ModelCIF file with pLDDT and N, C-alpha, C, O atoms, coordinates in Angstrom:
data_MODEL
#
_entry.id   MODEL 
#
_entity.id                         1 
_entity.type                       polymer 
_entity.pdbx_number_of_molecules   1 
#
_entity_poly.entity_id                      1 
_entity_poly.type                           'polypeptide(L)' 
_entity_poly.nstd_linkage                   no 
_entity_poly.nstd_monomer                   no 
_entity_poly.pdbx_seq_one_letter_code       
;(UNK)(UNK)(UNK)(UNK)(UNK)(UNK)(UNK)(UNK)(UNK)(UNK)(UNK)(UNK)(UNK)(UNK)(UNK)(UNK)
(UNK)(UNK)(UNK)(UNK)(UNK)(UNK)(UNK)(UNK)(UNK)(UNK)(UNK)(UNK)(UNK)(UNK)(UNK)(UNK)
(UNK)(UNK)(UNK)(UNK)(UNK)(UNK)(UNK)(UNK)(UNK)(UNK)(UNK)(UNK)(UNK)
;
_entity_poly.pdbx_seq_one_letter_code_can   XXXXXXXXXXXXXXXXXXXXXXXXXXXXXXXXXXXXXXXXXXXXX 
_entity_poly.pdbx_strand_id                 A 
#
loop_
_entity_poly_seq.entity_id 
_entity_poly_seq.num 
_entity_poly_seq.mon_id 
_entity_poly_seq.hetero 
1 1  UNK n 
1 2  UNK n 
1 3  UNK n 
1 4  UNK n 
1 5  UNK n 
1 6  UNK n 
1 7  UNK n 
1 8  UNK n 
1 9  UNK n 
1 10 UNK n 
1 11 UNK n 
1 12 UNK n 
1 13 UNK n 
1 14 UNK n 
1 15 UNK n 
1 16 UNK n 
1 17 UNK n 
1 18 UNK n 
1 19 UNK n 
1 20 UNK n 
1 21 UNK n 
1 22 UNK n 
1 23 UNK n 
1 24 UNK n 
1 25 UNK n 
1 26 UNK n 
1 27 UNK n 
1 28 UNK n 
1 29 UNK n 
1 30 UNK n 
1 31 UNK n 
1 32 UNK n 
1 33 UNK n 
1 34 UNK n 
1 35 UNK n 
1 36 UNK n 
1 37 UNK n 
1 38 UNK n 
1 39 UNK n 
1 40 UNK n 
1 41 UNK n 
1 42 UNK n 
1 43 UNK n 
1 44 UNK n 
1 45 UNK n 
#
_struct_asym.id          A 
_struct_asym.entity_id   1 
#
loop_
_ma_qa_metric.id 
_ma_qa_metric.mode 
_ma_qa_metric.name 
_ma_qa_metric.software_group_id 
_ma_qa_metric.type 
1 global pLDDT . pLDDT 
2 local  pLDDT . pLDDT 
#
_ma_qa_metric_global.metric_id      1 
_ma_qa_metric_global.metric_value   89.67 
_ma_qa_metric_global.model_id       1 
_ma_qa_metric_global.ordinal_id     1 
#
loop_
_ma_qa_metric_local.label_asym_id 
_ma_qa_metric_local.label_comp_id 
_ma_qa_metric_local.label_seq_id 
_ma_qa_metric_local.metric_id 
_ma_qa_metric_local.metric_value 
_ma_qa_metric_local.model_id 
_ma_qa_metric_local.ordinal_id 
A UNK 1  2 94.00 1 1  
A UNK 2  2 94.00 1 2  
A UNK 3  2 95.00 1 3  
A UNK 4  2 94.00 1 4  
A UNK 5  2 92.00 1 5  
A UNK 6  2 94.00 1 6  
A UNK 7  2 96.00 1 7  
A UNK 8  2 96.00 1 8  
A UNK 9  2 96.00 1 9  
A UNK 10 2 96.00 1 10 
A UNK 11 2 97.00 1 11 
A UNK 12 2 97.00 1 12 
A UNK 13 2 97.00 1 13 
A UNK 14 2 97.00 1 14 
A UNK 15 2 97.00 1 15 
A UNK 16 2 97.00 1 16 
A UNK 17 2 97.00 1 17 
A UNK 18 2 97.00 1 18 
A UNK 19 2 97.00 1 19 
A UNK 20 2 97.00 1 20 
A UNK 21 2 97.00 1 21 
A UNK 22 2 95.00 1 22 
A UNK 23 2 92.00 1 23 
A UNK 24 2 92.00 1 24 
A UNK 25 2 87.00 1 25 
A UNK 26 2 86.00 1 26 
A UNK 27 2 84.00 1 27 
A UNK 28 2 86.00 1 28 
A UNK 29 2 88.00 1 29 
A UNK 30 2 88.00 1 30 
A UNK 31 2 84.00 1 31 
A UNK 32 2 76.00 1 32 
A UNK 33 2 71.00 1 33 
A UNK 34 2 71.00 1 34 
A UNK 35 2 76.00 1 35 
A UNK 36 2 78.00 1 36 
A UNK 37 2 86.00 1 37 
A UNK 38 2 89.00 1 38 
A UNK 39 2 91.00 1 39 
A UNK 40 2 90.00 1 40 
A UNK 41 2 88.00 1 41 
A UNK 42 2 86.00 1 42 
A UNK 43 2 81.00 1 43 
A UNK 44 2 80.00 1 44 
A UNK 45 2 76.00 1 45 
#
loop_
_atom_site.group_PDB 
_atom_site.id 
_atom_site.type_symbol 
_atom_site.label_atom_id 
_atom_site.label_alt_id 
_atom_site.label_comp_id 
_atom_site.label_asym_id 
_atom_site.label_entity_id 
_atom_site.label_seq_id 
_atom_site.pdbx_PDB_ins_code 
_atom_site.Cartn_x 
_atom_site.Cartn_y 
_atom_site.Cartn_z 
_atom_site.occupancy 
_atom_site.B_iso_or_equiv 
_atom_site.pdbx_formal_charge 
_atom_site.auth_seq_id 
_atom_site.auth_comp_id 
_atom_site.auth_asym_id 
_atom_site.auth_atom_id 
_atom_site.pdbx_PDB_model_num 
ATOM 1   N N  . UNK A 1 1  ? 11.689 -5.003  -22.812 1.00 94.00 ? 1  UNK A N  1 
ATOM 2   C CA . UNK A 1 1  ? 11.467 -6.167  -22.032 1.00 94.00 ? 1  UNK A CA 1 
ATOM 3   C C  . UNK A 1 1  ? 11.136 -5.959  -20.608 1.00 94.00 ? 1  UNK A C  1 
ATOM 4   O O  . UNK A 1 1  ? 10.242 -6.588  -20.043 1.00 94.00 ? 1  UNK A O  1 
ATOM 5   N N  . UNK A 1 2  ? 11.920 -5.009  -20.004 1.00 94.00 ? 2  UNK A N  1 
ATOM 6   C CA . UNK A 1 2  ? 11.674 -4.666  -18.595 1.00 94.00 ? 2  UNK A CA 1 
ATOM 7   C C  . UNK A 1 2  ? 10.250 -4.059  -18.488 1.00 94.00 ? 2  UNK A C  1 
ATOM 8   O O  . UNK A 1 2  ? 9.475  -4.396  -17.593 1.00 94.00 ? 2  UNK A O  1 
ATOM 9   N N  . UNK A 1 3  ? 9.957  -3.195  -19.394 1.00 95.00 ? 3  UNK A N  1 
ATOM 10  C CA . UNK A 1 3  ? 8.653  -2.403  -19.297 1.00 95.00 ? 3  UNK A CA 1 
ATOM 11  C C  . UNK A 1 3  ? 7.402  -3.519  -19.502 1.00 95.00 ? 3  UNK A C  1 
ATOM 12  O O  . UNK A 1 3  ? 6.333  -3.385  -18.906 1.00 95.00 ? 3  UNK A O  1 
ATOM 13  N N  . UNK A 1 4  ? 7.649  -4.530  -20.335 1.00 94.00 ? 4  UNK A N  1 
ATOM 14  C CA . UNK A 1 4  ? 6.685  -5.565  -20.539 1.00 94.00 ? 4  UNK A CA 1 
ATOM 15  C C  . UNK A 1 4  ? 6.288  -6.242  -19.140 1.00 94.00 ? 4  UNK A C  1 
ATOM 16  O O  . UNK A 1 4  ? 5.129  -6.561  -18.876 1.00 94.00 ? 4  UNK A O  1 
ATOM 17  N N  . UNK A 1 5  ? 7.291  -6.412  -18.335 1.00 92.00 ? 5  UNK A N  1 
ATOM 18  C CA . UNK A 1 5  ? 7.105  -6.881  -16.984 1.00 92.00 ? 5  UNK A CA 1 
ATOM 19  C C  . UNK A 1 5  ? 6.629  -5.874  -16.057 1.00 92.00 ? 5  UNK A C  1 
ATOM 20  O O  . UNK A 1 5  ? 5.677  -6.153  -15.328 1.00 92.00 ? 5  UNK A O  1 
ATOM 21  N N  . UNK A 1 6  ? 7.141  -4.815  -16.005 1.00 94.00 ? 6  UNK A N  1 
ATOM 22  C CA . UNK A 1 6  ? 6.783  -3.879  -14.953 1.00 94.00 ? 6  UNK A CA 1 
ATOM 23  C C  . UNK A 1 6  ? 5.447  -2.949  -15.150 1.00 94.00 ? 6  UNK A C  1 
ATOM 24  O O  . UNK A 1 6  ? 4.711  -2.579  -14.236 1.00 94.00 ? 6  UNK A O  1 
ATOM 25  N N  . UNK A 1 7  ? 5.303  -2.662  -16.496 1.00 96.00 ? 7  UNK A N  1 
ATOM 26  C CA . UNK A 1 7  ? 4.044  -1.770  -16.816 1.00 96.00 ? 7  UNK A CA 1 
ATOM 27  C C  . UNK A 1 7  ? 2.741  -2.408  -16.399 1.00 96.00 ? 7  UNK A C  1 
ATOM 28  O O  . UNK A 1 7  ? 1.907  -1.712  -15.821 1.00 96.00 ? 7  UNK A O  1 
ATOM 29  N N  . UNK A 1 8  ? 2.499  -3.717  -16.657 1.00 96.00 ? 8  UNK A N  1 
ATOM 30  C CA . UNK A 1 8  ? 1.185  -4.282  -16.193 1.00 96.00 ? 8  UNK A CA 1 
ATOM 31  C C  . UNK A 1 8  ? 1.082  -4.253  -14.777 1.00 96.00 ? 8  UNK A C  1 
ATOM 32  O O  . UNK A 1 8  ? -0.050 -4.177  -14.300 1.00 96.00 ? 8  UNK A O  1 
ATOM 33  N N  . UNK A 1 9  ? 2.129  -4.303  -13.974 1.00 96.00 ? 9  UNK A N  1 
ATOM 34  C CA . UNK A 1 9  ? 2.084  -4.309  -12.573 1.00 96.00 ? 9  UNK A CA 1 
ATOM 35  C C  . UNK A 1 9  ? 1.634  -3.000  -12.031 1.00 96.00 ? 9  UNK A C  1 
ATOM 36  O O  . UNK A 1 9  ? 0.798  -2.910  -11.132 1.00 96.00 ? 9  UNK A O  1 
ATOM 37  N N  . UNK A 1 10 ? 2.262  -1.900  -12.655 1.00 96.00 ? 10 UNK A N  1 
ATOM 38  C CA . UNK A 1 10 ? 1.959  -0.543  -12.236 1.00 96.00 ? 10 UNK A CA 1 
ATOM 39  C C  . UNK A 1 10 ? 0.444  -0.224  -12.622 1.00 96.00 ? 10 UNK A C  1 
ATOM 40  O O  . UNK A 1 10 ? -0.248 0.452   -11.861 1.00 96.00 ? 10 UNK A O  1 
ATOM 41  N N  . UNK A 1 11 ? -0.047 -0.719  -13.806 1.00 97.00 ? 11 UNK A N  1 
ATOM 42  C CA . UNK A 1 11 ? -1.339 -0.494  -14.129 1.00 97.00 ? 11 UNK A CA 1 
ATOM 43  C C  . UNK A 1 11 ? -2.401 -1.221  -13.466 1.00 97.00 ? 11 UNK A C  1 
ATOM 44  O O  . UNK A 1 11 ? -3.528 -0.752  -13.306 1.00 97.00 ? 11 UNK A O  1 
ATOM 45  N N  . UNK A 1 12 ? -2.023 -2.400  -13.071 1.00 97.00 ? 12 UNK A N  1 
ATOM 46  C CA . UNK A 1 12 ? -2.939 -3.221  -12.236 1.00 97.00 ? 12 UNK A CA 1 
ATOM 47  C C  . UNK A 1 12 ? -3.189 -2.532  -10.948 1.00 97.00 ? 12 UNK A C  1 
ATOM 48  O O  . UNK A 1 12 ? -4.320 -2.559  -10.461 1.00 97.00 ? 12 UNK A O  1 
ATOM 49  N N  . UNK A 1 13 ? -2.143 -1.874  -10.324 1.00 97.00 ? 13 UNK A N  1 
ATOM 50  C CA . UNK A 1 13 ? -2.299 -1.231  -9.094  1.00 97.00 ? 13 UNK A CA 1 
ATOM 51  C C  . UNK A 1 13 ? -3.174 0.095   -9.285  1.00 97.00 ? 13 UNK A C  1 
ATOM 52  O O  . UNK A 1 13 ? -3.992 0.439   -8.433  1.00 97.00 ? 13 UNK A O  1 
ATOM 53  N N  . UNK A 1 14 ? -2.961 0.771   -10.387 1.00 97.00 ? 14 UNK A N  1 
ATOM 54  C CA . UNK A 1 14 ? -3.821 1.943   -10.696 1.00 97.00 ? 14 UNK A CA 1 
ATOM 55  C C  . UNK A 1 14 ? -5.220 1.638   -10.929 1.00 97.00 ? 14 UNK A C  1 
ATOM 56  O O  . UNK A 1 14 ? -6.103 2.364   -10.471 1.00 97.00 ? 14 UNK A O  1 
ATOM 57  N N  . UNK A 1 15 ? -5.467 0.604   -11.616 1.00 97.00 ? 15 UNK A N  1 
ATOM 58  C CA . UNK A 1 15 ? -6.984 0.267   -11.958 1.00 97.00 ? 15 UNK A CA 1 
ATOM 59  C C  . UNK A 1 15 ? -7.542 -0.694  -10.895 1.00 97.00 ? 15 UNK A C  1 
ATOM 60  O O  . UNK A 1 15 ? -8.617 -1.269  -11.071 1.00 97.00 ? 15 UNK A O  1 
ATOM 61  N N  . UNK A 1 16 ? -6.840 -0.850  -9.857  1.00 97.00 ? 16 UNK A N  1 
ATOM 62  C CA . UNK A 1 16 ? -7.321 -1.663  -8.689  1.00 97.00 ? 16 UNK A CA 1 
ATOM 63  C C  . UNK A 1 16 ? -7.829 -3.061  -9.170  1.00 97.00 ? 16 UNK A C  1 
ATOM 64  O O  . UNK A 1 16 ? -8.910 -3.502  -8.778  1.00 97.00 ? 16 UNK A O  1 
ATOM 65  N N  . UNK A 1 17 ? -7.034 -3.731  -10.014 1.00 97.00 ? 17 UNK A N  1 
ATOM 66  C CA . UNK A 1 17 ? -7.441 -5.094  -10.476 1.00 97.00 ? 17 UNK A CA 1 
ATOM 67  C C  . UNK A 1 17 ? -6.284 -6.066  -10.034 1.00 97.00 ? 17 UNK A C  1 
ATOM 68  O O  . UNK A 1 17 ? -5.361 -6.406  -10.774 1.00 97.00 ? 17 UNK A O  1 
ATOM 69  N N  . UNK A 1 18 ? -6.450 -6.458  -8.759  1.00 97.00 ? 18 UNK A N  1 
ATOM 70  C CA . UNK A 1 18 ? -5.367 -7.352  -8.160  1.00 97.00 ? 18 UNK A CA 1 
ATOM 71  C C  . UNK A 1 18 ? -5.034 -8.574  -9.025  1.00 97.00 ? 18 UNK A C  1 
ATOM 72  O O  . UNK A 1 18 ? -3.870 -8.950  -9.161  1.00 97.00 ? 18 UNK A O  1 
ATOM 73  N N  . UNK A 1 19 ? -6.085 -9.194  -9.614  1.00 97.00 ? 19 UNK A N  1 
ATOM 74  C CA . UNK A 1 19 ? -5.831 -10.344 -10.464 1.00 97.00 ? 19 UNK A CA 1 
ATOM 75  C C  . UNK A 1 19 ? -5.186 -9.973  -11.813 1.00 97.00 ? 19 UNK A C  1 
ATOM 76  O O  . UNK A 1 19 ? -5.866 -9.450  -12.696 1.00 97.00 ? 19 UNK A O  1 
ATOM 77  N N  . UNK A 1 20 ? -3.986 -10.216 -11.963 1.00 97.00 ? 20 UNK A N  1 
ATOM 78  C CA . UNK A 1 20 ? -3.227 -9.907  -13.196 1.00 97.00 ? 20 UNK A CA 1 
ATOM 79  C C  . UNK A 1 20 ? -2.768 -11.206 -13.859 1.00 97.00 ? 20 UNK A C  1 
ATOM 80  O O  . UNK A 1 20 ? -2.051 -12.021 -13.279 1.00 97.00 ? 20 UNK A O  1 
ATOM 81  N N  . UNK A 1 21 ? -3.220 -11.351 -15.099 1.00 97.00 ? 21 UNK A N  1 
ATOM 82  C CA . UNK A 1 21 ? -3.159 -12.721 -15.731 1.00 97.00 ? 21 UNK A CA 1 
ATOM 83  C C  . UNK A 1 21 ? -1.968 -12.742 -16.793 1.00 97.00 ? 21 UNK A C  1 
ATOM 84  O O  . UNK A 1 21 ? -1.864 -11.852 -17.637 1.00 97.00 ? 21 UNK A O  1 
ATOM 85  N N  . UNK A 1 22 ? -1.153 -13.716 -16.708 1.00 95.00 ? 22 UNK A N  1 
ATOM 86  C CA . UNK A 1 22 ? -0.051 -13.964 -17.592 1.00 95.00 ? 22 UNK A CA 1 
ATOM 87  C C  . UNK A 1 22 ? -0.300 -15.368 -18.192 1.00 95.00 ? 22 UNK A C  1 
ATOM 88  O O  . UNK A 1 22 ? -1.098 -16.136 -17.657 1.00 95.00 ? 22 UNK A O  1 
ATOM 89  N N  . UNK A 1 23 ? 0.330  -15.670 -19.212 1.00 92.00 ? 23 UNK A N  1 
ATOM 90  C CA . UNK A 1 23 ? 0.257  -16.959 -19.908 1.00 92.00 ? 23 UNK A CA 1 
ATOM 91  C C  . UNK A 1 23 ? 1.043  -18.100 -19.179 1.00 92.00 ? 23 UNK A C  1 
ATOM 92  O O  . UNK A 1 23 ? 0.613  -18.633 -18.156 1.00 92.00 ? 23 UNK A O  1 
ATOM 93  N N  . UNK A 1 24 ? 2.189  -18.425 -19.761 1.00 92.00 ? 24 UNK A N  1 
ATOM 94  C CA . UNK A 1 24 ? 2.977  -19.533 -19.271 1.00 92.00 ? 24 UNK A CA 1 
ATOM 95  C C  . UNK A 1 24 ? 4.074  -18.986 -18.229 1.00 92.00 ? 24 UNK A C  1 
ATOM 96  O O  . UNK A 1 24 ? 4.574  -17.862 -18.280 1.00 92.00 ? 24 UNK A O  1 
ATOM 97  N N  . UNK A 1 25 ? 4.335  -19.893 -17.358 1.00 87.00 ? 25 UNK A N  1 
ATOM 98  C CA . UNK A 1 25 ? 5.534  -19.650 -16.427 1.00 87.00 ? 25 UNK A CA 1 
ATOM 99  C C  . UNK A 1 25 ? 6.639  -20.110 -17.195 1.00 87.00 ? 25 UNK A C  1 
ATOM 100 O O  . UNK A 1 25 ? 6.817  -21.317 -17.359 1.00 87.00 ? 25 UNK A O  1 
ATOM 101 N N  . UNK A 1 26 ? 7.488  -19.146 -17.739 1.00 86.00 ? 26 UNK A N  1 
ATOM 102 C CA . UNK A 1 26 ? 8.588  -19.476 -18.785 1.00 86.00 ? 26 UNK A CA 1 
ATOM 103 C C  . UNK A 1 26 ? 9.614  -20.290 -18.061 1.00 86.00 ? 26 UNK A C  1 
ATOM 104 O O  . UNK A 1 26 ? 10.064 -21.270 -18.654 1.00 86.00 ? 26 UNK A O  1 
ATOM 105 N N  . UNK A 1 27 ? 10.014 -20.030 -16.936 1.00 84.00 ? 27 UNK A N  1 
ATOM 106 C CA . UNK A 1 27 ? 11.003 -20.783 -16.212 1.00 84.00 ? 27 UNK A CA 1 
ATOM 107 C C  . UNK A 1 27 ? 10.686 -22.234 -15.995 1.00 84.00 ? 27 UNK A C  1 
ATOM 108 O O  . UNK A 1 27 ? 11.520 -23.122 -16.173 1.00 84.00 ? 27 UNK A O  1 
ATOM 109 N N  . UNK A 1 28 ? 9.460  -22.445 -15.606 1.00 86.00 ? 28 UNK A N  1 
ATOM 110 C CA . UNK A 1 28 ? 9.003  -23.876 -15.373 1.00 86.00 ? 28 UNK A CA 1 
ATOM 111 C C  . UNK A 1 28 ? 8.683  -24.565 -16.562 1.00 86.00 ? 28 UNK A C  1 
ATOM 112 O O  . UNK A 1 28 ? 8.991  -25.754 -16.650 1.00 86.00 ? 28 UNK A O  1 
ATOM 113 N N  . UNK A 1 29 ? 8.088  -23.966 -17.523 1.00 88.00 ? 29 UNK A N  1 
ATOM 114 C CA . UNK A 1 29 ? 7.617  -24.617 -18.786 1.00 88.00 ? 29 UNK A CA 1 
ATOM 115 C C  . UNK A 1 29 ? 8.922  -25.002 -19.679 1.00 88.00 ? 29 UNK A C  1 
ATOM 116 O O  . UNK A 1 29 ? 9.025  -26.072 -20.279 1.00 88.00 ? 29 UNK A O  1 
ATOM 117 N N  . UNK A 1 30 ? 9.860  -24.019 -19.677 1.00 88.00 ? 30 UNK A N  1 
ATOM 118 C CA . UNK A 1 30 ? 10.898 -24.264 -20.595 1.00 88.00 ? 30 UNK A CA 1 
ATOM 119 C C  . UNK A 1 30 ? 12.274 -24.350 -19.993 1.00 88.00 ? 30 UNK A C  1 
ATOM 120 O O  . UNK A 1 30 ? 13.261 -24.513 -20.709 1.00 88.00 ? 30 UNK A O  1 
ATOM 121 N N  . UNK A 1 31 ? 12.355 -24.233 -18.593 1.00 84.00 ? 31 UNK A N  1 
ATOM 122 C CA . UNK A 1 31 ? 13.621 -24.399 -17.986 1.00 84.00 ? 31 UNK A CA 1 
ATOM 123 C C  . UNK A 1 31 ? 14.312 -22.970 -17.740 1.00 84.00 ? 31 UNK A C  1 
ATOM 124 O O  . UNK A 1 31 ? 14.553 -22.211 -18.679 1.00 84.00 ? 31 UNK A O  1 
ATOM 125 N N  . UNK A 1 32 ? 14.595 -22.678 -16.475 1.00 76.00 ? 32 UNK A N  1 
ATOM 126 C CA . UNK A 1 32 ? 15.179 -21.350 -16.183 1.00 76.00 ? 32 UNK A CA 1 
ATOM 127 C C  . UNK A 1 32 ? 15.531 -21.334 -14.761 1.00 76.00 ? 32 UNK A C  1 
ATOM 128 O O  . UNK A 1 32 ? 15.388 -22.318 -14.036 1.00 76.00 ? 32 UNK A O  1 
ATOM 129 N N  . UNK A 1 33 ? 16.020 -20.138 -14.347 1.00 71.00 ? 33 UNK A N  1 
ATOM 130 C CA . UNK A 1 33 ? 16.603 -19.912 -13.032 1.00 71.00 ? 33 UNK A CA 1 
ATOM 131 C C  . UNK A 1 33 ? 15.604 -20.005 -12.002 1.00 71.00 ? 33 UNK A C  1 
ATOM 132 O O  . UNK A 1 33 ? 15.934 -20.462 -10.907 1.00 71.00 ? 33 UNK A O  1 
ATOM 133 N N  . UNK A 1 34 ? 14.319 -19.596 -12.234 1.00 71.00 ? 34 UNK A N  1 
ATOM 134 C CA . UNK A 1 34 ? 13.223 -19.574 -11.251 1.00 71.00 ? 34 UNK A CA 1 
ATOM 135 C C  . UNK A 1 34 ? 12.350 -20.754 -11.560 1.00 71.00 ? 34 UNK A C  1 
ATOM 136 O O  . UNK A 1 34 ? 11.191 -20.570 -11.932 1.00 71.00 ? 34 UNK A O  1 
ATOM 137 N N  . UNK A 1 35 ? 12.865 -21.987 -11.421 1.00 76.00 ? 35 UNK A N  1 
ATOM 138 C CA . UNK A 1 35 ? 12.163 -23.155 -11.779 1.00 76.00 ? 35 UNK A CA 1 
ATOM 139 C C  . UNK A 1 35 ? 11.330 -23.677 -10.659 1.00 76.00 ? 35 UNK A C  1 
ATOM 140 O O  . UNK A 1 35 ? 11.724 -24.618 -9.969  1.00 76.00 ? 35 UNK A O  1 
ATOM 141 N N  . UNK A 1 36 ? 10.167 -23.076 -10.461 1.00 78.00 ? 36 UNK A N  1 
ATOM 142 C CA . UNK A 1 36 ? 9.115  -23.492 -9.462  1.00 78.00 ? 36 UNK A CA 1 
ATOM 143 C C  . UNK A 1 36 ? 7.790  -23.540 -10.131 1.00 78.00 ? 36 UNK A C  1 
ATOM 144 O O  . UNK A 1 36 ? 7.380  -22.674 -10.904 1.00 78.00 ? 36 UNK A O  1 
ATOM 145 N N  . UNK A 1 37 ? 7.169  -24.583 -9.789  1.00 86.00 ? 37 UNK A N  1 
ATOM 146 C CA . UNK A 1 37 ? 5.694  -24.809 -10.285 1.00 86.00 ? 37 UNK A CA 1 
ATOM 147 C C  . UNK A 1 37 ? 4.821  -24.069 -9.272  1.00 86.00 ? 37 UNK A C  1 
ATOM 148 O O  . UNK A 1 37 ? 4.732  -24.485 -8.117  1.00 86.00 ? 37 UNK A O  1 
ATOM 149 N N  . UNK A 1 38 ? 4.206  -23.026 -9.672  1.00 89.00 ? 38 UNK A N  1 
ATOM 150 C CA . UNK A 1 38 ? 3.423  -22.170 -8.933  1.00 89.00 ? 38 UNK A CA 1 
ATOM 151 C C  . UNK A 1 38 ? 2.385  -21.372 -9.743  1.00 89.00 ? 38 UNK A C  1 
ATOM 152 O O  . UNK A 1 38 ? 2.660  -21.013 -10.888 1.00 89.00 ? 38 UNK A O  1 
ATOM 153 N N  . UNK A 1 39 ? 1.246  -21.099 -9.198  1.00 91.00 ? 39 UNK A N  1 
ATOM 154 C CA . UNK A 1 39 ? 0.292  -20.252 -10.056 1.00 91.00 ? 39 UNK A CA 1 
ATOM 155 C C  . UNK A 1 39 ? 0.678  -18.757 -9.849  1.00 91.00 ? 39 UNK A C  1 
ATOM 156 O O  . UNK A 1 39 ? 0.232  -17.907 -10.621 1.00 91.00 ? 39 UNK A O  1 
ATOM 157 N N  . UNK A 1 40 ? 1.471  -18.438 -8.853  1.00 90.00 ? 40 UNK A N  1 
ATOM 158 C CA . UNK A 1 40 ? 1.706  -16.959 -8.601  1.00 90.00 ? 40 UNK A CA 1 
ATOM 159 C C  . UNK A 1 40 ? 2.874  -16.497 -9.476  1.00 90.00 ? 40 UNK A C  1 
ATOM 160 O O  . UNK A 1 40 ? 3.908  -17.148 -9.624  1.00 90.00 ? 40 UNK A O  1 
ATOM 161 N N  . UNK A 1 41 ? 2.621  -15.349 -10.024 1.00 88.00 ? 41 UNK A N  1 
ATOM 162 C CA . UNK A 1 41 ? 3.719  -14.698 -11.047 1.00 88.00 ? 41 UNK A CA 1 
ATOM 163 C C  . UNK A 1 41 ? 4.426  -13.604 -10.296 1.00 88.00 ? 41 UNK A C  1 
ATOM 164 O O  . UNK A 1 41 ? 5.090  -12.783 -10.929 1.00 88.00 ? 41 UNK A O  1 
ATOM 165 N N  . UNK A 1 42 ? 4.328  -13.540 -8.987  1.00 86.00 ? 42 UNK A N  1 
ATOM 166 C CA . UNK A 1 42 ? 4.958  -12.428 -8.210  1.00 86.00 ? 42 UNK A CA 1 
ATOM 167 C C  . UNK A 1 42 ? 6.556  -12.365 -8.414  1.00 86.00 ? 42 UNK A C  1 
ATOM 168 O O  . UNK A 1 42 ? 7.181  -11.305 -8.422  1.00 86.00 ? 42 UNK A O  1 
ATOM 169 N N  . UNK A 1 43 ? 7.049  -13.453 -8.553  1.00 81.00 ? 43 UNK A N  1 
ATOM 170 C CA . UNK A 1 43 ? 8.541  -13.655 -8.691  1.00 81.00 ? 43 UNK A CA 1 
ATOM 171 C C  . UNK A 1 43 ? 9.031  -13.616 -10.117 1.00 81.00 ? 43 UNK A C  1 
ATOM 172 O O  . UNK A 1 43 ? 10.224 -13.815 -10.349 1.00 81.00 ? 43 UNK A O  1 
ATOM 173 N N  . UNK A 1 44 ? 8.138  -13.360 -11.118 1.00 80.00 ? 44 UNK A N  1 
ATOM 174 C CA . UNK A 1 44 ? 8.660  -13.474 -12.525 1.00 80.00 ? 44 UNK A CA 1 
ATOM 175 C C  . UNK A 1 44 ? 9.734  -12.395 -12.904 1.00 80.00 ? 44 UNK A C  1 
ATOM 176 O O  . UNK A 1 44 ? 10.473 -12.616 -13.864 1.00 80.00 ? 44 UNK A O  1 
ATOM 177 N N  . UNK A 1 45 ? 9.843  -11.254 -12.192 1.00 76.00 ? 45 UNK A N  1 
ATOM 178 C CA . UNK A 1 45 ? 10.794 -10.286 -12.470 1.00 76.00 ? 45 UNK A CA 1 
ATOM 179 C C  . UNK A 1 45 ? 12.231 -10.903 -12.230 1.00 76.00 ? 45 UNK A C  1 
ATOM 180 O O  . UNK A 1 45 ? 13.236 -10.217 -12.416 1.00 76.00 ? 45 UNK A O  1 
#
């Protein structure tokens, strides 16, 4: 699970693709500790 979060970040850096796309904001859509409505996924870790 940790790699699922970190690996795409590392690879986006290596491929120089700043725009990294994820589906839903789990915390906001379903309730969680990081309950913030935002487009940015920088805090999802």
